[in-house]
Amino acid sequence: MNIESYIHVARSQVGDERSSELKKEQAATDFEELFAKHLVKEMTKGSFEMTDGVSGMGGNSLYREFITDALSSELAAQRKLGMADLVMEYWGQTTEEVINQKSTEKNGSTT
């Protein structure tokens, strides 16, 4: 038996595990960005309305969309809202821990 074949298998398993972790990390960050986008959109809802009553101009909505995307991307990249961390923490738990946590929350809220 050749040790090179075992080393190759070990490297591929580590690579697969790391790839899985990176995918989870990216999904958590994408979720935080989506959450941030909705938050910023709601916070700036009335900020880009025209005050002179001129309608039909799409410049403000385009500008608002650009600002919303930029702010949400920056917030998600910095993980300022903590949503990505919560998602990663949740994924790090075992199924048994999640079930125990839910039953503890249920019992605690009924007393």
N, C-alpha and C. Protein backbone atom coordinates (compact mmCIF):
# COMPACT_ATOMS: atom_id res chain seq x y z
N MET A 1 0.83 -1.18 0.00
CA MET A 1 0.00 0.00 0.00
C MET A 1 0.87 1.24 0.00
N ASN A 2 0.42 2.19 -0.71
CA ASN A 2 1.16 3.43 -0.88
C ASN A 2 0.58 4.50 0.05
N ILE A 3 1.45 5.16 0.78
CA ILE A 3 1.00 6.19 1.72
C ILE A 3 0.49 7.43 0.98
N GLU A 4 0.93 7.65 -0.24
CA GLU A 4 0.48 8.79 -1.02
C GLU A 4 -1.03 8.77 -1.23
N SER A 5 -1.61 7.60 -1.42
CA SER A 5 -3.06 7.52 -1.62
C SER A 5 -3.79 7.93 -0.35
N TYR A 6 -3.28 7.60 0.82
CA TYR A 6 -3.91 8.00 2.08
C TYR A 6 -3.78 9.51 2.30
N ILE A 7 -2.63 10.04 1.94
CA ILE A 7 -2.44 11.48 2.08
C ILE A 7 -3.40 12.23 1.16
N HIS A 8 -3.58 11.75 -0.05
CA HIS A 8 -4.51 12.38 -0.99
C HIS A 8 -5.94 12.35 -0.45
N VAL A 9 -6.35 11.21 0.10
CA VAL A 9 -7.70 11.08 0.67
C VAL A 9 -7.86 12.03 1.85
N ALA A 10 -6.86 12.10 2.73
CA ALA A 10 -6.93 12.99 3.89
C ALA A 10 -7.02 14.45 3.45
N ARG A 11 -6.24 14.83 2.46
CA ARG A 11 -6.28 16.21 1.96
C ARG A 11 -7.64 16.55 1.36
N SER A 12 -8.20 15.61 0.61
CA SER A 12 -9.50 15.88 0.00
C SER A 12 -10.60 16.00 1.06
N GLN A 13 -10.51 15.20 2.14
CA GLN A 13 -11.50 15.30 3.21
C GLN A 13 -11.39 16.63 3.93
N VAL A 14 -10.19 17.08 4.21
CA VAL A 14 -9.99 18.38 4.85
C VAL A 14 -10.46 19.48 3.92
N GLY A 15 -10.17 19.35 2.64
CA GLY A 15 -10.60 20.34 1.67
C GLY A 15 -12.11 20.42 1.58
N ASP A 16 -12.78 19.26 1.62
CA ASP A 16 -14.24 19.23 1.57
C ASP A 16 -14.85 19.87 2.82
N GLU A 17 -14.27 19.57 3.99
CA GLU A 17 -14.76 20.15 5.23
C GLU A 17 -14.59 21.66 5.23
N ARG A 18 -13.44 22.12 4.78
CA ARG A 18 -13.18 23.57 4.73
C ARG A 18 -14.09 24.25 3.72
N SER A 19 -14.32 23.58 2.60
CA SER A 19 -15.21 24.12 1.59
C SER A 19 -16.63 24.25 2.14
N SER A 20 -17.05 23.26 2.89
CA SER A 20 -18.37 23.29 3.51
C SER A 20 -18.47 24.45 4.51
N GLU A 21 -17.43 24.65 5.30
CA GLU A 21 -17.42 25.75 6.26
C GLU A 21 -17.47 27.11 5.56
N LEU A 22 -16.73 27.23 4.45
CA LEU A 22 -16.74 28.49 3.70
C LEU A 22 -18.11 28.76 3.09
N LYS A 23 -18.76 27.71 2.61
CA LYS A 23 -20.11 27.88 2.05
C LYS A 23 -21.09 28.32 3.14
N LYS A 24 -20.99 27.74 4.32
CA LYS A 24 -21.85 28.14 5.43
C LYS A 24 -21.59 29.59 5.82
N GLU A 25 -20.32 29.96 5.87
CA GLU A 25 -19.93 31.33 6.21
C GLU A 25 -20.51 32.32 5.19
N GLN A 26 -20.41 31.98 3.91
CA GLN A 26 -20.93 32.86 2.86
C GLN A 26 -22.45 32.96 2.94
N ALA A 27 -23.12 31.85 3.21
CA ALA A 27 -24.59 31.87 3.34
C ALA A 27 -25.01 32.73 4.52
N ALA A 28 -24.29 32.63 5.63
CA ALA A 28 -24.61 33.44 6.80
C ALA A 28 -24.41 34.92 6.52
N THR A 29 -23.34 35.26 5.82
CA THR A 29 -23.08 36.65 5.46
C THR A 29 -24.13 37.16 4.48
N ASP A 30 -24.52 36.33 3.52
CA ASP A 30 -25.58 36.71 2.57
C ASP A 30 -26.90 36.96 3.30
N PHE A 31 -27.20 36.13 4.30
CA PHE A 31 -28.42 36.33 5.08
C PHE A 31 -28.37 37.66 5.82
N GLU A 32 -27.21 37.97 6.41
CA GLU A 32 -27.08 39.25 7.12
C GLU A 32 -27.23 40.42 6.15
N GLU A 33 -26.70 40.27 4.94
CA GLU A 33 -26.83 41.34 3.94
C GLU A 33 -28.29 41.53 3.53
N LEU A 34 -29.01 40.45 3.36
CA LEU A 34 -30.43 40.54 3.02
C LEU A 34 -31.21 41.22 4.14
N PHE A 35 -30.92 40.82 5.38
CA PHE A 35 -31.56 41.46 6.53
C PHE A 35 -31.22 42.95 6.58
N ALA A 36 -29.96 43.28 6.38
CA ALA A 36 -29.53 44.68 6.41
C ALA A 36 -30.19 45.48 5.30
N LYS A 37 -30.35 44.88 4.13
CA LYS A 37 -30.98 45.58 3.02
C LYS A 37 -32.42 45.97 3.36
N HIS A 38 -33.16 45.04 3.95
CA HIS A 38 -34.54 45.35 4.34
C HIS A 38 -34.57 46.40 5.45
N LEU A 39 -33.65 46.31 6.38
CA LEU A 39 -33.58 47.27 7.47
C LEU A 39 -33.28 48.67 6.94
N VAL A 40 -32.28 48.80 6.11
CA VAL A 40 -31.90 50.11 5.56
C VAL A 40 -33.01 50.65 4.66
N LYS A 41 -33.64 49.78 3.91
CA LYS A 41 -34.74 50.21 3.03
C LYS A 41 -35.88 50.82 3.85
N GLU A 42 -36.22 50.20 4.96
CA GLU A 42 -37.27 50.72 5.83
C GLU A 42 -36.84 52.02 6.50
N MET A 43 -35.58 52.08 6.90
CA MET A 43 -35.09 53.27 7.59
C MET A 43 -35.02 54.49 6.67
N THR A 44 -34.83 54.27 5.39
CA THR A 44 -34.70 55.39 4.45
C THR A 44 -35.94 55.58 3.59
N LYS A 45 -37.04 54.99 4.01
CA LYS A 45 -38.26 55.00 3.20
C LYS A 45 -38.69 56.40 2.77
N GLY A 46 -38.76 57.34 3.66
CA GLY A 46 -39.22 58.68 3.33
C GLY A 46 -38.11 59.65 2.99
N SER A 47 -36.90 59.22 3.01
CA SER A 47 -35.76 60.13 2.84
C SER A 47 -35.52 60.55 1.40
N PHE A 48 -36.01 59.82 0.44
CA PHE A 48 -35.70 60.10 -0.95
C PHE A 48 -36.89 60.59 -1.75
N GLU A 49 -37.92 61.06 -1.08
CA GLU A 49 -39.10 61.56 -1.79
C GLU A 49 -38.85 62.99 -2.25
N MET A 50 -39.42 63.30 -3.40
CA MET A 50 -39.29 64.65 -3.96
C MET A 50 -40.19 65.59 -3.17
N THR A 51 -39.69 66.76 -2.85
CA THR A 51 -40.48 67.72 -2.07
C THR A 51 -41.24 68.70 -2.96
N ASP A 52 -40.88 68.78 -4.23
CA ASP A 52 -41.54 69.75 -5.09
C ASP A 52 -42.76 69.18 -5.80
N GLY A 53 -43.09 67.92 -5.57
CA GLY A 53 -44.30 67.33 -6.15
C GLY A 53 -44.13 66.81 -7.56
N VAL A 54 -42.94 66.85 -8.12
CA VAL A 54 -42.71 66.35 -9.47
C VAL A 54 -42.67 64.83 -9.40
N SER A 55 -43.53 64.19 -10.19
CA SER A 55 -43.54 62.73 -10.18
C SER A 55 -43.06 62.21 -11.52
N GLY A 56 -42.81 60.93 -11.58
CA GLY A 56 -42.37 60.31 -12.81
C GLY A 56 -40.87 60.30 -13.01
N MET A 57 -40.14 60.85 -12.06
CA MET A 57 -38.69 60.86 -12.18
C MET A 57 -38.15 59.66 -11.40
N GLY A 58 -37.41 58.80 -12.08
CA GLY A 58 -36.91 57.59 -11.46
C GLY A 58 -35.53 57.74 -10.84
N GLY A 59 -34.98 58.92 -10.85
CA GLY A 59 -33.64 59.13 -10.32
C GLY A 59 -33.53 58.87 -8.84
N ASN A 60 -34.52 59.30 -8.10
CA ASN A 60 -34.46 59.11 -6.66
C ASN A 60 -34.54 57.64 -6.27
N SER A 61 -35.38 56.87 -6.94
CA SER A 61 -35.49 55.45 -6.60
C SER A 61 -34.19 54.72 -6.96
N LEU A 62 -33.56 55.10 -8.05
CA LEU A 62 -32.29 54.50 -8.42
C LEU A 62 -31.21 54.86 -7.40
N TYR A 63 -31.19 56.12 -7.00
CA TYR A 63 -30.24 56.58 -6.00
C TYR A 63 -30.48 55.87 -4.68
N ARG A 64 -31.74 55.73 -4.28
CA ARG A 64 -32.08 55.05 -3.03
C ARG A 64 -31.65 53.59 -3.07
N GLU A 65 -31.87 52.93 -4.20
CA GLU A 65 -31.48 51.53 -4.33
C GLU A 65 -29.96 51.36 -4.24
N PHE A 66 -29.23 52.28 -4.85
CA PHE A 66 -27.78 52.24 -4.78
C PHE A 66 -27.28 52.42 -3.35
N ILE A 67 -27.82 53.41 -2.66
CA ILE A 67 -27.42 53.68 -1.27
C ILE A 67 -27.78 52.49 -0.38
N THR A 68 -28.97 51.93 -0.57
CA THR A 68 -29.41 50.78 0.22
C THR A 68 -28.48 49.59 0.02
N ASP A 69 -28.13 49.32 -1.22
CA ASP A 69 -27.22 48.21 -1.51
C ASP A 69 -25.83 48.44 -0.90
N ALA A 70 -25.32 49.65 -1.03
CA ALA A 70 -23.99 49.96 -0.51
C ALA A 70 -23.95 49.84 1.02
N LEU A 71 -24.96 50.41 1.68
CA LEU A 71 -24.99 50.34 3.14
C LEU A 71 -25.17 48.91 3.64
N SER A 72 -26.05 48.17 3.02
CA SER A 72 -26.31 46.80 3.47
C SER A 72 -25.08 45.91 3.22
N SER A 73 -24.40 46.10 2.11
CA SER A 73 -23.19 45.32 1.84
C SER A 73 -22.11 45.63 2.87
N GLU A 74 -21.97 46.90 3.21
CA GLU A 74 -20.96 47.29 4.19
C GLU A 74 -21.30 46.75 5.58
N LEU A 75 -22.56 46.86 5.97
CA LEU A 75 -22.97 46.32 7.27
C LEU A 75 -22.75 44.81 7.35
N ALA A 76 -23.09 44.10 6.28
CA ALA A 76 -22.92 42.65 6.27
C ALA A 76 -21.45 42.25 6.29
N ALA A 77 -20.62 42.99 5.56
CA ALA A 77 -19.19 42.67 5.53
C ALA A 77 -18.54 42.87 6.90
N GLN A 78 -19.02 43.86 7.63
CA GLN A 78 -18.47 44.14 8.96
C GLN A 78 -19.13 43.31 10.05
N ARG A 79 -20.22 42.65 9.70
CA ARG A 79 -21.00 41.84 10.66
C ARG A 79 -21.42 42.66 11.87
N LYS A 80 -21.88 43.87 11.61
CA LYS A 80 -22.28 44.77 12.69
C LYS A 80 -23.62 44.39 13.31
N LEU A 81 -24.48 43.71 12.57
CA LEU A 81 -25.80 43.37 13.09
C LEU A 81 -25.81 42.07 13.88
N GLY A 82 -24.83 41.22 13.65
CA GLY A 82 -24.71 39.98 14.40
C GLY A 82 -25.55 38.82 13.88
N MET A 83 -26.27 39.02 12.79
CA MET A 83 -27.13 37.95 12.26
C MET A 83 -26.30 36.79 11.74
N ALA A 84 -25.21 37.06 11.05
CA ALA A 84 -24.37 35.99 10.52
C ALA A 84 -23.76 35.17 11.65
N ASP A 85 -23.38 35.84 12.72
CA ASP A 85 -22.82 35.12 13.87
C ASP A 85 -23.87 34.21 14.51
N LEU A 86 -25.11 34.69 14.59
CA LEU A 86 -26.17 33.86 15.15
C LEU A 86 -26.45 32.63 14.27
N VAL A 87 -26.43 32.82 12.97
CA VAL A 87 -26.66 31.71 12.05
C VAL A 87 -25.53 30.69 12.18
N MET A 88 -24.29 31.15 12.23
CA MET A 88 -23.16 30.24 12.36
C MET A 88 -23.20 29.51 13.71
N GLU A 89 -23.60 30.21 14.74
CA GLU A 89 -23.72 29.58 16.05
C GLU A 89 -24.81 28.50 16.03
N TYR A 90 -25.92 28.80 15.38
CA TYR A 90 -27.01 27.84 15.28
C TYR A 90 -26.56 26.60 14.49
N TRP A 91 -25.85 26.81 13.39
CA TRP A 91 -25.38 25.68 12.59
C TRP A 91 -24.33 24.86 13.33
N GLY A 92 -23.64 25.48 14.27
CA GLY A 92 -22.62 24.77 15.03
C GLY A 92 -23.19 23.87 16.11
N GLN A 93 -24.44 24.07 16.44
CA GLN A 93 -25.06 23.25 17.47
C GLN A 93 -25.48 21.90 16.88
N THR A 94 -25.51 20.91 17.74
CA THR A 94 -26.03 19.61 17.31
C THR A 94 -27.55 19.64 17.37
N THR A 95 -28.17 18.70 16.74
CA THR A 95 -29.63 18.63 16.74
C THR A 95 -30.16 18.49 18.17
N GLU A 96 -29.47 17.72 18.99
CA GLU A 96 -29.90 17.53 20.37
C GLU A 96 -29.86 18.84 21.15
N GLU A 97 -28.81 19.65 20.93
CA GLU A 97 -28.71 20.94 21.61
C GLU A 97 -29.86 21.86 21.21
N VAL A 98 -30.22 21.85 19.94
CA VAL A 98 -31.31 22.69 19.45
C VAL A 98 -32.63 22.26 20.09
N ILE A 99 -32.87 20.96 20.16
CA ILE A 99 -34.11 20.46 20.76
C ILE A 99 -34.16 20.83 22.24
N ASN A 100 -33.05 20.67 22.95
CA ASN A 100 -33.00 21.03 24.36
C ASN A 100 -33.23 22.53 24.57
N GLN A 101 -32.67 23.34 23.69
CA GLN A 101 -32.83 24.79 23.79
C GLN A 101 -34.30 25.17 23.57
N LYS A 102 -34.94 24.56 22.59
CA LYS A 102 -36.35 24.87 22.31
C LYS A 102 -37.24 24.45 23.47
N SER A 103 -36.98 23.28 24.05
CA SER A 103 -37.80 22.83 25.16
C SER A 103 -37.57 23.70 26.40
N THR A 104 -36.34 24.19 26.61
CA THR A 104 -36.06 25.07 27.72
C THR A 104 -36.78 26.40 27.53
N GLU A 105 -36.77 26.93 26.32
CA GLU A 105 -37.46 28.19 26.03
C GLU A 105 -38.95 28.03 26.23
N LYS A 106 -39.50 26.91 25.79
CA LYS A 106 -40.93 26.66 25.92
C LYS A 106 -41.31 26.55 27.40
N ASN A 107 -40.55 25.82 28.16
CA ASN A 107 -40.85 25.67 29.59
C ASN A 107 -40.64 26.96 30.35
N GLY A 108 -39.67 27.73 29.98
CA GLY A 108 -39.41 29.00 30.64
C GLY A 108 -40.46 30.05 30.36
N SER A 109 -41.05 30.02 29.18
CA SER A 109 -42.04 31.03 28.82
C SER A 109 -43.41 30.73 29.39
N THR A 110 -43.67 29.47 29.78
CA THR A 110 -44.98 29.13 30.32
C THR A 110 -45.08 29.34 31.81
N THR A 111 -43.94 29.51 32.49
CA THR A 111 -43.98 29.69 33.95
C THR A 111 -44.03 31.12 34.34
